[in-house]
C-alpha atoms as a PDB file:
ATOM      1  CA  MET A   1      38.321 -24.590 -38.971  1.00  0.00           C
ATOM      2  CA  ALA A   2      35.507 -21.998 -38.915  1.00  0.00           C
ATOM      3  CA  LYS A   3      33.732 -21.211 -42.112  1.00  0.00           C
ATOM      4  CA  LYS A   4      34.288 -17.651 -43.366  1.00  0.00           C
ATOM      5  CA  ILE A   5      31.098 -15.678 -43.846  1.00  0.00           C
ATOM      6  CA  ASN A   6      30.847 -12.889 -46.342  1.00  0.00           C
ATOM      7  CA  PRO A   7      28.476 -10.297 -44.810  1.00  0.00           C
ATOM      8  CA  ASN A   8      27.622  -8.941 -48.254  1.00  0.00           C
ATOM      9  CA  ASN A   9      26.311 -12.296 -49.477  1.00  0.00           C
ATOM     10  CA  LYS A  10      22.586 -12.512 -48.714  1.00  0.00           C
ATOM     11  CA  ASN A  11      22.618 -16.315 -48.911  1.00  0.00           C
ATOM     12  CA  ASN A  12      24.807 -16.535 -45.807  1.00  0.00           C
ATOM     13  CA  TRP A  13      22.073 -15.086 -43.608  1.00  0.00           C
ATOM     14  CA  LYS A  14      19.151 -17.245 -42.579  1.00  0.00           C
ATOM     15  CA  LYS A  15      15.744 -15.726 -43.021  1.00  0.00           C
ATOM     16  CA  LYS A  16      13.594 -15.969 -39.918  1.00  0.00           C
ATOM     17  CA  ASP A  17       9.847 -15.898 -39.891  1.00  0.00           C
ATOM     18  CA  TYR A  18       8.813 -13.183 -37.433  1.00  0.00           C
ATOM     19  CA  THR A  19       5.145 -13.202 -38.395  1.00  0.00           C
ATOM     20  CA  LYS A  20       4.125 -15.535 -35.549  1.00  0.00           C
ATOM     21  CA  ILE A  21       5.920 -13.403 -32.958  1.00  0.00           C
ATOM     22  CA  ASP A  22       4.388 -10.239 -34.389  1.00  0.00           C
ATOM     23  CA  LEU A  23       0.930 -11.778 -34.251  1.00  0.00           C
ATOM     24  CA  GLU A  24       1.426 -12.841 -30.658  1.00  0.00           C
ATOM     25  CA  LEU A  25       2.507  -9.339 -29.587  1.00  0.00           C
ATOM     26  CA  THR A  26       0.229  -7.323 -31.811  1.00  0.00           C
ATOM     27  CA  GLY A  27      -2.525  -9.699 -32.767  1.00  0.00           C
ATOM     28  CA  PRO A  28      -6.242  -9.339 -32.251  1.00  0.00           C
ATOM     29  CA  GLY A  29      -7.279  -8.955 -28.620  1.00  0.00           C
ATOM     30  CA  THR A  30      -3.943  -7.701 -27.368  1.00  0.00           C
ATOM     31  CA  GLY A  31      -4.930  -4.043 -27.757  1.00  0.00           C
ATOM     32  CA  ARG A  32      -1.544  -3.140 -29.140  1.00  0.00           C
ATOM     33  CA  LYS A  33      -0.676  -1.998 -32.596  1.00  0.00           C
ATOM     34  CA  ARG A  34       2.590  -2.685 -34.298  1.00  0.00           C
ATOM     35  CA  GLU A  35       4.940   0.226 -33.768  1.00  0.00           C
ATOM     36  CA  LYS A  36       6.511   1.606 -36.876  1.00  0.00           C
ATOM     37  CA  LYS A  37      10.056   2.807 -36.785  1.00  0.00           C
ATOM     38  CA  GLU A  38      10.231   6.481 -37.599  1.00  0.00           C
ATOM     39  CA  LYS A  39      12.333   7.214 -40.590  1.00  0.00           C
ATOM     40  CA  PRO A  40      14.492  10.315 -40.400  1.00  0.00           C
ATOM     41  CA  ASN A  41      12.878  13.286 -42.074  1.00  0.00           C
ATOM     42  CA  TRP A  42      15.650  14.509 -44.335  1.00  0.00           C
ATOM     43  CA  SER A  43      13.861  17.737 -45.190  1.00  0.00           C
ATOM     44  CA  ASP A  44      13.776  18.632 -41.455  1.00  0.00           C
ATOM     45  CA  TYR A  45      17.434  17.703 -41.173  1.00  0.00           C
ATOM     46  CA  ARG A  46      18.285  19.928 -44.145  1.00  0.00           C
ATOM     47  CA  LEU A  47      16.152  22.765 -42.745  1.00  0.00           C
ATOM     48  CA  ASN A  48      17.775  22.553 -39.318  1.00  0.00           C
ATOM     49  CA  SER A  49      21.257  22.514 -40.834  1.00  0.00           C
ATOM     50  CA  MET A  50      20.326  25.561 -42.966  1.00  0.00           C
ATOM     51  CA  LYS A  51      19.051  27.372 -39.857  1.00  0.00           C
ATOM     52  CA  SER A  52      22.260  26.521 -38.004  1.00  0.00           C
ATOM     53  CA  ALA A  53      24.390  27.712 -40.909  1.00  0.00           C
ATOM     54  CA  PHE A  54      22.383  30.956 -41.062  1.00  0.00           C
ATOM     55  CA  LEU A  55      22.785  31.628 -37.327  1.00  0.00           C
ATOM     56  CA  GLU A  56      26.519  30.909 -37.395  1.00  0.00           C
ATOM     57  CA  LEU A  57      27.174  33.131 -40.414  1.00  0.00           C
ATOM     58  CA  PHE A  58      24.861  35.911 -39.192  1.00  0.00           C
ATOM     59  CA  SER A  59      26.636  36.055 -35.828  1.00  0.00           C
ATOM     60  CA  GLN A  60      29.952  36.498 -37.688  1.00  0.00           C
ATOM     61  CA  LEU A  61      28.839  38.957 -40.382  1.00  0.00           C
ATOM     62  CA  GLY A  62      26.139  40.863 -38.526  1.00  0.00           C
ATOM     63  CA  HIS A  63      24.519  41.734 -41.865  1.00  0.00           C
ATOM     64  CA  LEU A  64      21.272  40.046 -42.892  1.00  0.00           C
ATOM     65  CA  GLY A  65      21.640  40.777 -46.618  1.00  0.00           C
ATOM     66  CA  ARG A  66      25.149  39.350 -46.902  1.00  0.00           C
ATOM     67  CA  THR A  67      24.203  36.316 -44.843  1.00  0.00           C
ATOM     68  CA  VAL A  68      21.216  35.311 -46.998  1.00  0.00           C
ATOM     69  CA  ASP A  69      23.131  36.077 -50.218  1.00  0.00           C
ATOM     70  CA  THR A  70      26.008  33.849 -49.110  1.00  0.00           C
ATOM     71  CA  LEU A  71      23.663  30.988 -48.210  1.00  0.00           C
ATOM     72  CA  GLY A  72      21.461  31.483 -51.273  1.00  0.00           C
ATOM     73  CA  ILE A  73      18.179  31.793 -49.394  1.00  0.00           C
ATOM     74  CA  ALA A  74      15.404  34.372 -49.703  1.00  0.00           C
ATOM     75  CA  ARG A  75      15.798  37.546 -47.662  1.00  0.00           C
ATOM     76  CA  SER A  76      12.386  36.961 -46.049  1.00  0.00           C
ATOM     77  CA  GLN A  77      13.189  33.382 -44.980  1.00  0.00           C
ATOM     78  CA  PRO A  78      14.791  34.220 -41.598  1.00  0.00           C
ATOM     79  CA  SER A  79      11.749  36.257 -40.557  1.00  0.00           C
ATOM     80  CA  ARG A  80       9.479  33.326 -41.492  1.00  0.00           C
ATOM     81  CA  TRP A  81      11.657  31.027 -39.400  1.00  0.00           C
ATOM     82  CA  ARG A  82      11.441  33.473 -36.474  1.00  0.00           C
ATOM     83  CA  ARG A  83       7.615  33.586 -36.682  1.00  0.00           C
ATOM     84  CA  ARG A  84       7.205  29.801 -36.905  1.00  0.00           C
ATOM     85  CA  ASP A  85       9.982  28.565 -34.615  1.00  0.00           C
ATOM     86  CA  PRO A  86      10.338  30.130 -31.135  1.00  0.00           C
ATOM     87  CA  GLU A  87      13.667  28.346 -30.545  1.00  0.00           C
ATOM     88  CA  PHE A  88      15.044  29.841 -33.746  1.00  0.00           C
ATOM     89  CA  ALA A  89      13.731  33.280 -32.738  1.00  0.00           C
ATOM     90  CA  GLN A  90      15.628  33.060 -29.451  1.00  0.00           C
ATOM     91  CA  ALA A  91      18.780  31.822 -31.193  1.00  0.00           C
ATOM     92  CA  TYR A  92      18.435  34.657 -33.735  1.00  0.00           C
ATOM     93  CA  GLU A  93      18.383  37.241 -30.937  1.00  0.00           C
ATOM     94  CA  GLU A  94      21.485  35.642 -29.394  1.00  0.00           C
ATOM     95  CA  ALA A  95      23.250  35.693 -32.780  1.00  0.00           C
ATOM     96  CA  LYS A  96      22.274  39.342 -33.179  1.00  0.00           C
ATOM     97  CA  GLU A  97      23.822  40.147 -29.785  1.00  0.00           C
ATOM     98  CA  ILE A  98      27.025  38.313 -30.754  1.00  0.00           C
ATOM     99  CA  ALA A  99      27.170  40.248 -34.033  1.00  0.00           C
ATOM    100  CA  ALA A 100      26.648  43.537 -32.190  1.00  0.00           C
ATOM    101  CA  GLN A 101      29.435  42.642 -29.755  1.00  0.00           C
ATOM    102  CA  ASN A 102      31.731  41.836 -32.702  1.00  0.00           C
ATOM    103  CA  LEU A 103      30.958  45.243 -34.220  1.00  0.00           C
ATOM    104  CA  GLU A 104      31.652  46.975 -30.928  1.00  0.00           C
ATOM    105  CA  ASP A 105      34.946  45.089 -30.551  1.00  0.00           C
ATOM    106  CA  GLU A 106      35.997  46.185 -34.043  1.00  0.00           C
ATOM    107  CA  ALA A 107      35.029  49.805 -33.329  1.00  0.00           C
ATOM    108  CA  TYR A 108      37.076  49.684 -30.113  1.00  0.00           C
ATOM    109  CA  ARG A 109      40.061  48.222 -31.951  1.00  0.00           C
ATOM    110  CA  ARG A 110      39.972  50.945 -34.608  1.00  0.00           C
ATOM    111  CA  ALA A 111      39.406  53.754 -32.106  1.00  0.00           C
ATOM    112  CA  VAL A 112      41.830  52.753 -29.344  1.00  0.00           C
ATOM    113  CA  GLU A 113      44.386  50.361 -30.833  1.00  0.00           C
ATOM    114  CA  GLY A 114      44.351  51.936 -34.285  1.00  0.00           C
ATOM    115  CA  VAL A 115      44.856  50.542 -37.772  1.00  0.00           C
ATOM    116  CA  ASP A 116      48.218  50.316 -39.505  1.00  0.00           C
ATOM    117  CA  GLU A 117      48.152  51.965 -42.914  1.00  0.00           C
ATOM    118  CA  PRO A 118      51.115  51.536 -45.263  1.00  0.00           C
ATOM    119  CA  VAL A 119      53.186  54.553 -46.304  1.00  0.00           C
ATOM    120  CA  TYR A 120      54.572  54.670 -49.836  1.00  0.00           C
ATOM    121  CA  PHE A 121      57.398  56.783 -51.239  1.00  0.00           C
ATOM    122  CA  LYS A 122      57.939  56.835 -54.995  1.00  0.00           C
ATOM    123  CA  GLY A 123      55.766  53.732 -55.381  1.00  0.00           C
ATOM    124  CA  ALA A 124      57.650  51.654 -52.818  1.00  0.00           C
ATOM    125  CA  LYS A 125      56.351  50.811 -49.353  1.00  0.00           C
ATOM    126  CA  CYS A 126      58.621  52.459 -46.812  1.00  0.00           C
ATOM    127  CA  GLY A 127      56.729  51.977 -43.550  1.00  0.00           C
ATOM    128  CA  ALA A 128      53.379  52.144 -41.795  1.00  0.00           C
ATOM    129  CA  VAL A 129      51.453  54.713 -39.805  1.00  0.00           C
ATOM    130  CA  THR A 130      48.935  53.830 -37.097  1.00  0.00           C
ATOM    131  CA  LYS A 131      45.690  55.745 -37.611  1.00  0.00           C
ATOM    132  CA  TYR A 132      42.999  56.117 -34.963  1.00  0.00           C
ATOM    133  CA  SER A 133      39.328  56.944 -35.417  1.00  0.00           C
ATOM    134  CA  ASP A 134      38.256  59.889 -33.266  1.00  0.00           C
ATOM    135  CA  SER A 135      34.635  59.630 -34.388  1.00  0.00           C
ATOM    136  CA  LEU A 136      34.442  55.965 -33.328  1.00  0.00           C
ATOM    137  CA  LEU A 137      35.988  56.857 -29.973  1.00  0.00           C
ATOM    138  CA  THR A 138      33.392  59.612 -29.492  1.00  0.00           C
ATOM    139  CA  THR A 139      30.584  57.189 -30.333  1.00  0.00           C
ATOM    140  CA  LEU A 140      31.941  54.591 -27.891  1.00  0.00           C
ATOM    141  CA  LEU A 141      32.173  57.203 -25.139  1.00  0.00           C
ATOM    142  CA  LYS A 142      28.595  58.354 -25.769  1.00  0.00           C
ATOM    143  CA  GLY A 143      27.439  54.744 -25.541  1.00  0.00           C
ATOM    144  CA  ALA A 144      29.439  53.951 -22.409  1.00  0.00           C
ATOM    145  CA  PHE A 145      28.724  57.207 -20.535  1.00  0.00           C
ATOM    146  CA  PRO A 146      25.569  58.762 -22.023  1.00  0.00           C
ATOM    147  CA  GLU A 147      24.947  61.079 -19.060  1.00  0.00           C
ATOM    148  CA  LYS A 148      28.402  62.597 -19.474  1.00  0.00           C
ATOM    149  CA  TYR A 149      28.932  62.659 -23.266  1.00  0.00           C
ATOM    150  CA  ARG A 150      25.443  62.930 -24.724  1.00  0.00           C
ATOM    151  CA  GLU A 151      24.342  65.921 -26.746  1.00  0.00           C
ATOM    152  CA  ARG A 152      22.576  68.370 -24.460  1.00  0.00           C
ATOM    153  CA  TYR A 153      19.193  69.616 -25.589  1.00  0.00           C
ATOM    154  CA  GLU A 154      16.632  71.437 -23.487  1.00  0.00           C
ATOM    155  CA  HIS A 155      13.148  70.430 -24.525  1.00  0.00           C
ATOM    156  CA  GLN A 156      10.085  72.038 -23.036  1.00  0.00           C
ATOM    157  CA  VAL A 157       6.980  69.923 -23.210  1.00  0.00           C
ATOM    158  CA  GLY A 158       3.537  71.501 -22.982  1.00  0.00           C
ATOM    159  CA  PRO A 159       2.106  74.853 -23.897  1.00  0.00           C
ATOM    160  CA  ALA A 160       4.327  77.923 -23.964  1.00  0.00           C
ATOM    161  CA  PRO A 161       3.933  80.289 -21.000  1.00  0.00           C
ATOM    162  CA  VAL A 162       1.446  83.079 -21.563  1.00  0.00           C
ATOM    163  CA  GLU A 163       2.014  86.592 -20.208  1.00  0.00           C
ATOM    164  CA  PHE A 164      -0.925  88.865 -19.454  1.00  0.00           C
ATOM    165  CA  ASP A 165      -1.694  91.887 -17.309  1.00  0.00           C
ATOM    166  CA  VAL A 166      -3.719  90.902 -14.217  1.00  0.00           C
ATOM    167  CA  SER A 167      -4.392  94.507 -13.273  1.00  0.00           C
ATOM    168  CA  LYS A 168      -7.065  94.654 -15.972  1.00  0.00           C
ATOM    169  CA  LEU A 169      -9.119  91.839 -14.358  1.00  0.00           C
ATOM    170  CA  SER A 170     -12.100  92.441 -12.082  1.00  0.00           C
ATOM    171  CA  GLU A 171     -12.285  91.078  -8.517  1.00  0.00           C
ATOM    172  CA  GLU A 172     -14.561  88.253  -9.612  1.00  0.00           C
ATOM    173  CA  GLU A 173     -12.223  87.283 -12.476  1.00  0.00           C
ATOM    174  CA  LEU A 174      -9.227  87.351 -10.099  1.00  0.00           C
ATOM    175  CA  GLU A 175     -10.978  84.992  -7.643  1.00  0.00           C
ATOM    176  CA  THR A 176     -11.871  82.619 -10.510  1.00  0.00           C
ATOM    177  CA  LEU A 177      -8.286  82.709 -11.732  1.00  0.00           C
ATOM    178  CA  GLU A 178      -6.971  81.953  -8.222  1.00  0.00           C
ATOM    179  CA  ARG A 179      -9.307  78.921  -7.930  1.00  0.00           C
ATOM    180  CA  ILE A 180      -8.179  77.587 -11.314  1.00  0.00           C
ATOM    181  CA  VAL A 181      -4.491  78.053 -10.528  1.00  0.00           C
ATOM    182  CA  SER A 182      -4.809  76.538  -7.031  1.00  0.00           C
ATOM    183  CA  LYS A 183      -6.375  73.355  -8.503  1.00  0.00           C
ATOM    184  CA  GLY A 184      -3.387  72.898 -10.801  1.00  0.00           C
ATOM    185  CA  LEU A 185      -0.731  73.352  -8.105  1.00  0.00           C
ATOM    186  CA  PRO A 186       0.516  70.335  -6.158  1.00  0.00           C
ATOM    187  CA  GLU A 187      -0.607  70.155  -2.534  1.00  0.00           C
ATOM    188  CA  GLU A 188       2.001  70.773   0.141  1.00  0.00           C
END
């Protein structure tokens, strides 16, 4: 019958002397140093998990202040992470795009599908009315079709036109004026 071994009992395990083997592989003249096993850096692990939690929550909320308050980190911390870690900066931009898409989806839902608001009569709920947001719909249309729904403004850039009477100019002044104007006109 086989002897039962308790793995928790240190006396059941034979100690081996690895010093000779280590000296053979890493001893003088071999040119090799003993490799040390890297221990996990728990502070990096905690930092990476905090960054991941920030990105996940930020993509859902879309609000920097609420995200850092919920996680209990400083408001300036995400910008430090973006400066120091290019991968985080790229992930932050992706999370920002996801948050913006979530906001746009919610605006669409409120503008097109509407929101059910309860109706009360004498303190008792008697039904619901679907309300739509015209201002959100207008904003969505301006964003989707800016050339069609944008506000129209005529802006004139440059100096205002000047009116003057050319009949009061001498022949020499008229020739000078023609040369100046002809230099400013595009060639045909």
